[in-house]
C-alpha atoms as a PDB file:
ATOM      1  CA  UNK A   1      91.214  73.303 163.740  1.00  0.00           C
ATOM      2  CA  UNK A   2      93.938  75.827 164.489  1.00  0.00           C
ATOM      3  CA  UNK A   3      95.982  73.560 166.732  1.00  0.00           C
ATOM      4  CA  UNK A   4      95.288  70.543 164.540  1.00  0.00           C
ATOM      5  CA  UNK A   5      96.433  72.165 161.279  1.00  0.00           C
ATOM      6  CA  UNK A   6      99.225  74.337 162.608  1.00  0.00           C
ATOM      7  CA  UNK A   7     101.042  72.040 164.976  1.00  0.00           C
ATOM      8  CA  UNK A   8     104.138  72.898 167.050  1.00  0.00           C
ATOM      9  CA  UNK A   9     106.458  70.959 164.714  1.00  0.00           C
ATOM     10  CA  UNK A  10     105.500  72.968 161.653  1.00  0.00           C
ATOM     11  CA  UNK A  11     108.539  75.108 160.792  1.00  0.00           C
ATOM     12  CA  UNK A  12     108.056  78.696 159.582  1.00  0.00           C
ATOM     13  CA  UNK A  13     111.701  79.687 160.246  1.00  0.00           C
ATOM     14  CA  UNK A  14     110.801  83.078 161.751  1.00  0.00           C
ATOM     15  CA  UNK A  15     108.372  84.003 164.571  1.00  0.00           C
ATOM     16  CA  UNK A  16     106.937  86.785 162.409  1.00  0.00           C
ATOM     17  CA  UNK A  17     105.891  84.336 159.706  1.00  0.00           C
ATOM     18  CA  UNK A  18     104.292  82.017 162.251  1.00  0.00           C
ATOM     19  CA  UNK A  19     102.385  84.938 163.740  1.00  0.00           C
ATOM     20  CA  UNK A  20     101.040  85.839 160.298  1.00  0.00           C
ATOM     21  CA  UNK A  21      99.682  82.312 159.888  1.00  0.00           C
ATOM     22  CA  UNK A  22      98.128  82.325 163.346  1.00  0.00           C
ATOM     23  CA  UNK A  23      96.345  85.595 162.598  1.00  0.00           C
ATOM     24  CA  UNK A  24      94.846  84.328 159.354  1.00  0.00           C
ATOM     25  CA  UNK A  25      93.766  81.038 160.908  1.00  0.00           C
ATOM     26  CA  UNK A  26      91.444  83.000 163.188  1.00  0.00           C
ATOM     27  CA  UNK A  27      89.433  84.737 160.448  1.00  0.00           C
ATOM     28  CA  UNK A  28      89.774  82.618 157.303  1.00  0.00           C
ATOM     29  CA  UNK A  29      86.400  81.080 158.109  1.00  0.00           C
ATOM     30  CA  UNK A  30      84.893  84.318 156.807  1.00  0.00           C
ATOM     31  CA  UNK A  31      86.353  83.796 153.318  1.00  0.00           C
ATOM     32  CA  UNK A  32      83.743  83.145 150.629  1.00  0.00           C
ATOM     33  CA  UNK A  33      84.092  79.610 149.307  1.00  0.00           C
ATOM     34  CA  UNK A  34      82.484  80.063 145.888  1.00  0.00           C
ATOM     35  CA  UNK A  35      82.034  82.360 142.915  1.00  0.00           C
ATOM     36  CA  UNK A  36      79.893  82.440 139.781  1.00  0.00           C
ATOM     37  CA  UNK A  37      82.506  83.098 137.076  1.00  0.00           C
ATOM     38  CA  UNK A  38      85.981  81.956 136.086  1.00  0.00           C
ATOM     39  CA  UNK A  39      87.837  78.661 136.067  1.00  0.00           C
ATOM     40  CA  UNK A  40      87.325  76.148 138.830  1.00  0.00           C
ATOM     41  CA  UNK A  41      85.490  73.098 140.108  1.00  0.00           C
ATOM     42  CA  UNK A  42      81.697  73.121 140.225  1.00  0.00           C
ATOM     43  CA  UNK A  43      80.107  72.933 143.654  1.00  0.00           C
ATOM     44  CA  UNK A  44      78.659  69.415 144.001  1.00  0.00           C
ATOM     45  CA  UNK A  45      75.234  70.709 145.080  1.00  0.00           C
ATOM     46  CA  UNK A  46      74.925  73.654 142.641  1.00  0.00           C
ATOM     47  CA  UNK A  47      76.515  73.735 139.180  1.00  0.00           C
ATOM     48  CA  UNK A  48      75.912  77.486 138.876  1.00  0.00           C
ATOM     49  CA  UNK A  49      78.734  78.097 141.392  1.00  0.00           C
ATOM     50  CA  UNK A  50      82.397  77.113 141.309  1.00  0.00           C
ATOM     51  CA  UNK A  51      84.797  76.614 144.193  1.00  0.00           C
ATOM     52  CA  UNK A  52      86.623  79.864 144.887  1.00  0.00           C
ATOM     53  CA  UNK A  53      89.881  79.650 142.935  1.00  0.00           C
ATOM     54  CA  UNK A  54      92.314  80.460 145.753  1.00  0.00           C
ATOM     55  CA  UNK A  55      90.880  77.708 147.922  1.00  0.00           C
ATOM     56  CA  UNK A  56      90.630  75.126 145.141  1.00  0.00           C
ATOM     57  CA  UNK A  57      93.524  72.992 143.918  1.00  0.00           C
ATOM     58  CA  UNK A  58      95.956  73.877 146.687  1.00  0.00           C
ATOM     59  CA  UNK A  59      97.226  70.292 146.816  1.00  0.00           C
ATOM     60  CA  UNK A  60      98.595  70.371 143.270  1.00  0.00           C
ATOM     61  CA  UNK A  61     102.016  69.542 144.752  1.00  0.00           C
ATOM     62  CA  UNK A  62     100.670  66.008 145.192  1.00  0.00           C
ATOM     63  CA  UNK A  63     100.082  65.856 141.443  1.00  0.00           C
ATOM     64  CA  UNK A  64     103.680  66.866 140.773  1.00  0.00           C
ATOM     65  CA  UNK A  65     104.782  63.545 142.287  1.00  0.00           C
ATOM     66  CA  UNK A  66     103.092  61.573 139.479  1.00  0.00           C
ATOM     67  CA  UNK A  67     103.070  64.101 136.628  1.00  0.00           C
ATOM     68  CA  UNK A  68     106.159  62.596 134.982  1.00  0.00           C
ATOM     69  CA  UNK A  69     104.374  59.243 134.676  1.00  0.00           C
ATOM     70  CA  UNK A  70     101.217  60.745 133.202  1.00  0.00           C
ATOM     71  CA  UNK A  71     102.630  63.509 131.000  1.00  0.00           C
ATOM     72  CA  UNK A  72     106.267  62.609 130.411  1.00  0.00           C
ATOM     73  CA  UNK A  73     107.354  66.234 130.453  1.00  0.00           C
ATOM     74  CA  UNK A  74     104.755  67.415 127.906  1.00  0.00           C
ATOM     75  CA  UNK A  75     103.116  70.268 129.768  1.00  0.00           C
ATOM     76  CA  UNK A  76     100.057  70.751 127.558  1.00  0.00           C
ATOM     77  CA  UNK A  77      98.942  67.134 127.932  1.00  0.00           C
ATOM     78  CA  UNK A  78      98.971  66.531 124.169  1.00  0.00           C
ATOM     79  CA  UNK A  79     100.907  63.284 124.596  1.00  0.00           C
ATOM     80  CA  UNK A  80     100.414  60.315 126.880  1.00  0.00           C
ATOM     81  CA  UNK A  81     103.194  59.751 129.388  1.00  0.00           C
ATOM     82  CA  UNK A  82     105.303  56.610 129.889  1.00  0.00           C
ATOM     83  CA  UNK A  83     102.687  54.969 132.097  1.00  0.00           C
ATOM     84  CA  UNK A  84     100.228  54.874 129.179  1.00  0.00           C
ATOM     85  CA  UNK A  85      97.352  56.308 131.202  1.00  0.00           C
ATOM     86  CA  UNK A  86      94.943  58.787 129.613  1.00  0.00           C
ATOM     87  CA  UNK A  87      93.139  61.552 131.572  1.00  0.00           C
ATOM     88  CA  UNK A  88      89.754  59.880 131.170  1.00  0.00           C
ATOM     89  CA  UNK A  89      91.130  56.728 132.829  1.00  0.00           C
ATOM     90  CA  UNK A  90      91.771  58.543 136.097  1.00  0.00           C
ATOM     91  CA  UNK A  91      88.524  58.126 137.963  1.00  0.00           C
ATOM     92  CA  UNK A  92      87.959  59.269 141.533  1.00  0.00           C
ATOM     93  CA  UNK A  93      88.568  55.682 142.657  1.00  0.00           C
ATOM     94  CA  UNK A  94      91.948  55.704 140.887  1.00  0.00           C
ATOM     95  CA  UNK A  95      93.043  58.861 142.714  1.00  0.00           C
ATOM     96  CA  UNK A  96      91.733  57.457 146.000  1.00  0.00           C
ATOM     97  CA  UNK A  97      94.005  54.441 145.462  1.00  0.00           C
ATOM     98  CA  UNK A  98      97.041  56.651 144.772  1.00  0.00           C
ATOM     99  CA  UNK A  99      96.554  59.361 147.383  1.00  0.00           C
ATOM    100  CA  UNK A 100      94.436  57.792 150.110  1.00  0.00           C
ATOM    101  CA  UNK A 101      95.730  54.227 150.047  1.00  0.00           C
ATOM    102  CA  UNK A 102      92.328  52.709 149.335  1.00  0.00           C
ATOM    103  CA  UNK A 103      91.863  49.229 147.875  1.00  0.00           C
ATOM    104  CA  UNK A 104      91.898  48.689 144.126  1.00  0.00           C
ATOM    105  CA  UNK A 105      88.439  48.371 142.589  1.00  0.00           C
ATOM    106  CA  UNK A 106      88.572  47.193 138.984  1.00  0.00           C
ATOM    107  CA  UNK A 107      84.912  48.013 138.394  1.00  0.00           C
ATOM    108  CA  UNK A 108      85.585  51.662 139.239  1.00  0.00           C
ATOM    109  CA  UNK A 109      88.937  51.722 137.392  1.00  0.00           C
ATOM    110  CA  UNK A 110      88.086  49.769 134.224  1.00  0.00           C
ATOM    111  CA  UNK A 111      90.811  51.227 132.009  1.00  0.00           C
ATOM    112  CA  UNK A 112      93.766  51.277 134.380  1.00  0.00           C
ATOM    113  CA  UNK A 113      95.490  48.354 136.072  1.00  0.00           C
ATOM    114  CA  UNK A 114      96.527  48.094 139.686  1.00  0.00           C
ATOM    115  CA  UNK A 115     100.171  47.801 138.617  1.00  0.00           C
ATOM    116  CA  UNK A 116      99.919  51.189 136.912  1.00  0.00           C
ATOM    117  CA  UNK A 117      98.341  52.723 139.964  1.00  0.00           C
ATOM    118  CA  UNK A 118     100.948  51.112 142.234  1.00  0.00           C
ATOM    119  CA  UNK A 119     103.693  52.983 140.384  1.00  0.00           C
ATOM    120  CA  UNK A 120     101.856  56.250 140.957  1.00  0.00           C
ATOM    121  CA  UNK A 121     101.228  55.458 144.616  1.00  0.00           C
ATOM    122  CA  UNK A 122     104.903  54.599 145.108  1.00  0.00           C
ATOM    123  CA  UNK A 123     105.994  57.969 143.691  1.00  0.00           C
ATOM    124  CA  UNK A 124     103.497  59.852 145.829  1.00  0.00           C
ATOM    125  CA  UNK A 125     104.406  58.065 149.046  1.00  0.00           C
ATOM    126  CA  UNK A 126     108.125  58.506 148.339  1.00  0.00           C
ATOM    127  CA  UNK A 127     107.974  62.268 147.753  1.00  0.00           C
ATOM    128  CA  UNK A 128     105.223  63.242 150.200  1.00  0.00           C
ATOM    129  CA  UNK A 129     105.064  65.034 152.508  1.00  0.00           C
ATOM    130  CA  UNK A 130     106.903  68.088 151.221  1.00  0.00           C
ATOM    131  CA  UNK A 131     109.922  68.997 153.294  1.00  0.00           C
ATOM    132  CA  UNK A 132     109.654  72.641 152.303  1.00  0.00           C
ATOM    133  CA  UNK A 133     107.407  74.973 150.379  1.00  0.00           C
ATOM    134  CA  UNK A 134     108.689  78.447 149.479  1.00  0.00           C
ATOM    135  CA  UNK A 135     106.378  81.295 148.550  1.00  0.00           C
ATOM    136  CA  UNK A 136     105.752  85.013 148.947  1.00  0.00           C
ATOM    137  CA  UNK A 137     104.268  86.652 152.025  1.00  0.00           C
ATOM    138  CA  UNK A 138     101.119  87.852 150.228  1.00  0.00           C
ATOM    139  CA  UNK A 139      99.958  84.227 149.881  1.00  0.00           C
ATOM    140  CA  UNK A 140     100.027  83.582 153.638  1.00  0.00           C
ATOM    141  CA  UNK A 141      96.560  85.086 153.980  1.00  0.00           C
ATOM    142  CA  UNK A 142      94.949  82.911 151.333  1.00  0.00           C
ATOM    143  CA  UNK A 143      96.556  80.187 149.229  1.00  0.00           C
ATOM    144  CA  UNK A 144      99.202  78.905 151.657  1.00  0.00           C
ATOM    145  CA  UNK A 145      96.831  78.678 154.596  1.00  0.00           C
ATOM    146  CA  UNK A 146      94.117  77.127 152.421  1.00  0.00           C
ATOM    147  CA  UNK A 147      96.655  74.514 151.399  1.00  0.00           C
ATOM    148  CA  UNK A 148      97.095  73.564 155.065  1.00  0.00           C
ATOM    149  CA  UNK A 149      93.328  73.288 155.501  1.00  0.00           C
ATOM    150  CA  UNK A 150      92.908  71.160 152.374  1.00  0.00           C
ATOM    151  CA  UNK A 151      95.701  68.815 153.411  1.00  0.00           C
ATOM    152  CA  UNK A 152      94.028  68.479 156.808  1.00  0.00           C
ATOM    153  CA  UNK A 153      90.661  67.751 155.193  1.00  0.00           C
ATOM    154  CA  UNK A 154      91.843  65.243 152.584  1.00  0.00           C
ATOM    155  CA  UNK A 155      94.425  63.397 154.695  1.00  0.00           C
ATOM    156  CA  UNK A 156      92.708  63.772 158.058  1.00  0.00           C
ATOM    157  CA  UNK A 157      93.349  60.115 158.923  1.00  0.00           C
ATOM    158  CA  UNK A 158      97.046  60.273 158.039  1.00  0.00           C
ATOM    159  CA  UNK A 159      97.926  63.920 158.539  1.00  0.00           C
ATOM    160  CA  UNK A 160     101.282  63.475 160.271  1.00  0.00           C
ATOM    161  CA  UNK A 161     102.626  61.709 157.184  1.00  0.00           C
ATOM    162  CA  UNK A 162     101.102  64.038 154.595  1.00  0.00           C
ATOM    163  CA  UNK A 163     101.216  67.612 155.922  1.00  0.00           C
ATOM    164  CA  UNK A 164     103.969  69.851 154.574  1.00  0.00           C
ATOM    165  CA  UNK A 165     106.773  70.083 157.148  1.00  0.00           C
ATOM    166  CA  UNK A 166     107.834  73.695 156.565  1.00  0.00           C
ATOM    167  CA  UNK A 167     106.910  76.947 154.829  1.00  0.00           C
ATOM    168  CA  UNK A 168     109.502  79.585 154.058  1.00  0.00           C
ATOM    169  CA  UNK A 169     107.915  82.903 153.133  1.00  0.00           C
ATOM    170  CA  UNK A 170     109.762  85.840 151.658  1.00  0.00           C
ATOM    171  CA  UNK A 171     108.961  89.470 151.020  1.00  0.00           C
ATOM    172  CA  UNK A 172     108.874  91.259 147.690  1.00  0.00           C
ATOM    173  CA  UNK A 173     111.965  92.063 145.663  1.00  0.00           C
ATOM    174  CA  UNK A 174     112.489  95.756 145.009  1.00  0.00           C
ATOM    175  CA  UNK A 175     114.891  97.354 142.572  1.00  0.00           C
ATOM    176  CA  UNK A 176     116.842 100.385 143.800  1.00  0.00           C
ATOM    177  CA  UNK A 177     114.452 100.865 146.748  1.00  0.00           C
ATOM    178  CA  UNK A 178     111.402 101.003 144.475  1.00  0.00           C
ATOM    179  CA  UNK A 179     108.763  98.388 143.771  1.00  0.00           C
ATOM    180  CA  UNK A 180     109.490  96.469 140.596  1.00  0.00           C
ATOM    181  CA  UNK A 181     106.929  97.295 137.928  1.00  0.00           C
ATOM    182  CA  UNK A 182     106.919  96.781 134.179  1.00  0.00           C
ATOM    183  CA  UNK A 183     104.568  99.733 133.718  1.00  0.00           C
ATOM    184  CA  UNK A 184     107.043 102.151 135.313  1.00  0.00           C
ATOM    185  CA  UNK A 185     110.107 100.559 133.737  1.00  0.00           C
ATOM    186  CA  UNK A 186     111.610  99.708 137.126  1.00  0.00           C
ATOM    187  CA  UNK A 187     112.050  96.069 136.262  1.00  0.00           C
ATOM    188  CA  UNK A 188     114.861  93.581 135.698  1.00  0.00           C
ATOM    189  CA  UNK A 189     114.737  89.864 134.981  1.00  0.00           C
ATOM    190  CA  UNK A 190     117.285  87.463 136.435  1.00  0.00           C
ATOM    191  CA  UNK A 191     118.691  86.850 132.944  1.00  0.00           C
ATOM    192  CA  UNK A 192     119.106  90.583 132.340  1.00  0.00           C
ATOM    193  CA  UNK A 193     120.805  90.952 135.713  1.00  0.00           C
ATOM    194  CA  UNK A 194     123.325  88.197 134.981  1.00  0.00           C
ATOM    195  CA  UNK A 195     124.034  89.467 131.471  1.00  0.00           C
ATOM    196  CA  UNK A 196     124.637  92.992 132.770  1.00  0.00           C
ATOM    197  CA  UNK A 197     126.488  92.389 136.044  1.00  0.00           C
ATOM    198  CA  UNK A 198     127.719  88.824 135.723  1.00  0.00           C
ATOM    199  CA  UNK A 199     126.911  85.866 137.946  1.00  0.00           C
ATOM    200  CA  UNK A 200     129.216  86.635 140.875  1.00  0.00           C
ATOM    201  CA  UNK A 201     128.280  90.304 141.238  1.00  0.00           C
ATOM    202  CA  UNK A 202     124.587  89.393 140.947  1.00  0.00           C
ATOM    203  CA  UNK A 203     124.970  86.854 143.747  1.00  0.00           C
ATOM    204  CA  UNK A 204     126.646  89.393 146.006  1.00  0.00           C
ATOM    205  CA  UNK A 205     123.945  92.004 145.368  1.00  0.00           C
ATOM    206  CA  UNK A 206     121.178  89.461 146.005  1.00  0.00           C
ATOM    207  CA  UNK A 207     122.854  88.281 149.213  1.00  0.00           C
ATOM    208  CA  UNK A 208     123.020  91.906 150.344  1.00  0.00           C
ATOM    209  CA  UNK A 209     119.371  92.536 149.460  1.00  0.00           C
ATOM    210  CA  UNK A 210     117.851  90.977 152.602  1.00  0.00           C
ATOM    211  CA  UNK A 211     115.562  88.065 153.377  1.00  0.00           C
ATOM    212  CA  UNK A 212     112.618  86.802 155.488  1.00  0.00           C
ATOM    213  CA  UNK A 213     109.335  88.747 155.304  1.00  0.00           C
ATOM    214  CA  UNK A 214     111.091  92.067 154.851  1.00  0.00           C
ATOM    215  CA  UNK A 215     111.158  93.291 151.268  1.00  0.00           C
ATOM    216  CA  UNK A 216     114.543  92.622 149.702  1.00  0.00           C
ATOM    217  CA  UNK A 217     116.169  95.423 147.731  1.00  0.00           C
ATOM    218  CA  UNK A 218     118.443  94.732 144.767  1.00  0.00           C
ATOM    219  CA  UNK A 219     120.696  97.783 144.612  1.00  0.00           C
ATOM    220  CA  UNK A 220     122.508  98.269 141.322  1.00  0.00           C
ATOM    221  CA  UNK A 221     125.157 100.322 143.129  1.00  0.00           C
ATOM    222  CA  UNK A 222     126.008  97.260 145.205  1.00  0.00           C
ATOM    223  CA  UNK A 223     126.284  95.148 142.053  1.00  0.00           C
ATOM    224  CA  UNK A 224     128.542  97.693 140.380  1.00  0.00           C
ATOM    225  CA  UNK A 225     130.736  97.958 143.472  1.00  0.00           C
ATOM    226  CA  UNK A 226     130.970  94.174 143.619  1.00  0.00           C
ATOM    227  CA  UNK A 227     132.339  94.060 140.069  1.00  0.00           C
ATOM    228  CA  UNK A 228     135.128  96.463 141.000  1.00  0.00           C
ATOM    229  CA  UNK A 229     135.962  94.615 144.206  1.00  0.00           C
ATOM    230  CA  UNK A 230     135.977  91.252 142.477  1.00  0.00           C
ATOM    231  CA  UNK A 231     138.306  92.632 139.801  1.00  0.00           C
ATOM    232  CA  UNK A 232     140.633  94.031 142.469  1.00  0.00           C
ATOM    233  CA  UNK A 233     140.611  90.682 144.284  1.00  0.00           C
ATOM    234  CA  UNK A 234     141.380  88.808 141.071  1.00  0.00           C
ATOM    235  CA  UNK A 235     144.320  91.096 140.264  1.00  0.00           C
ATOM    236  CA  UNK A 236     145.690  90.722 143.793  1.00  0.00           C
ATOM    237  CA  UNK A 237     145.538  86.933 143.539  1.00  0.00           C
ATOM    238  CA  UNK A 238     147.228  86.981 140.138  1.00  0.00           C
ATOM    239  CA  UNK A 239     150.062  89.125 141.481  1.00  0.00           C
ATOM    240  CA  UNK A 240     150.613  87.253 144.719  1.00  0.00           C
ATOM    241  CA  UNK A 241     149.682  83.704 143.774  1.00  0.00           C
ATOM    242  CA  UNK A 242     150.573  83.425 140.070  1.00  0.00           C
ATOM    243  CA  UNK A 243     151.418  79.727 140.135  1.00  0.00           C
ATOM    244  CA  UNK A 244     148.590  78.418 142.279  1.00  0.00           C
ATOM    245  CA  UNK A 245     145.604  79.906 140.423  1.00  0.00           C
ATOM    246  CA  UNK A 246     144.575  79.279 136.834  1.00  0.00           C
ATOM    247  CA  UNK A 247     141.860  81.800 136.005  1.00  0.00           C
ATOM    248  CA  UNK A 248     141.621  80.617 132.416  1.00  0.00           C
ATOM    249  CA  UNK A 249     140.182  77.283 133.533  1.00  0.00           C
END
């Protein structure tokens, strides 16, 4: 399974990230697959258990490809989307037609036409596989790897055309060399950052923070220094290139 799921063409961008995936692939078989409480899908052979939440629904990206047809941008599902299909119309056979390329069976899809399903299949086949999925490093050891397994299980006959092509994983974002936490007050939203430091200074501080699996540190001193340097640069340009630059526009 390891070599089948995690092939040589799968891009993780850094050797450290790939190593993390290879480590988890060796012991994920020990992960419990079910629980007795919470939200989830019932186990087919025992309704008293549900599929463990981190291993269930890790192919929801496939749903994103058709969500606009079914929901039309209404996130709570209170309105029917432009395709005119209701949730109860989407039988297992309907999803098998869209995602697995199976033949249309009107008896098993009595309330949805093949033309409707063709539109969904077209969207799915156009957008899948994902070129890139971006997530945090703490999900390597559960959700992200389980997503690879579930793709391999569901699209086992067509895996090369359905498996995600790349994962980019990042570390945590710290603020002034301390973990961001609402409880301690060491916390800043992106909107607050832009309102306080401006867009350009925020970009410079974020670029300076670091990347890959290492935790990135947003340093407010760097943002403040960037404001001063940008102001100095602007004044220099105004003095030396007064006719070629229109800052008002």
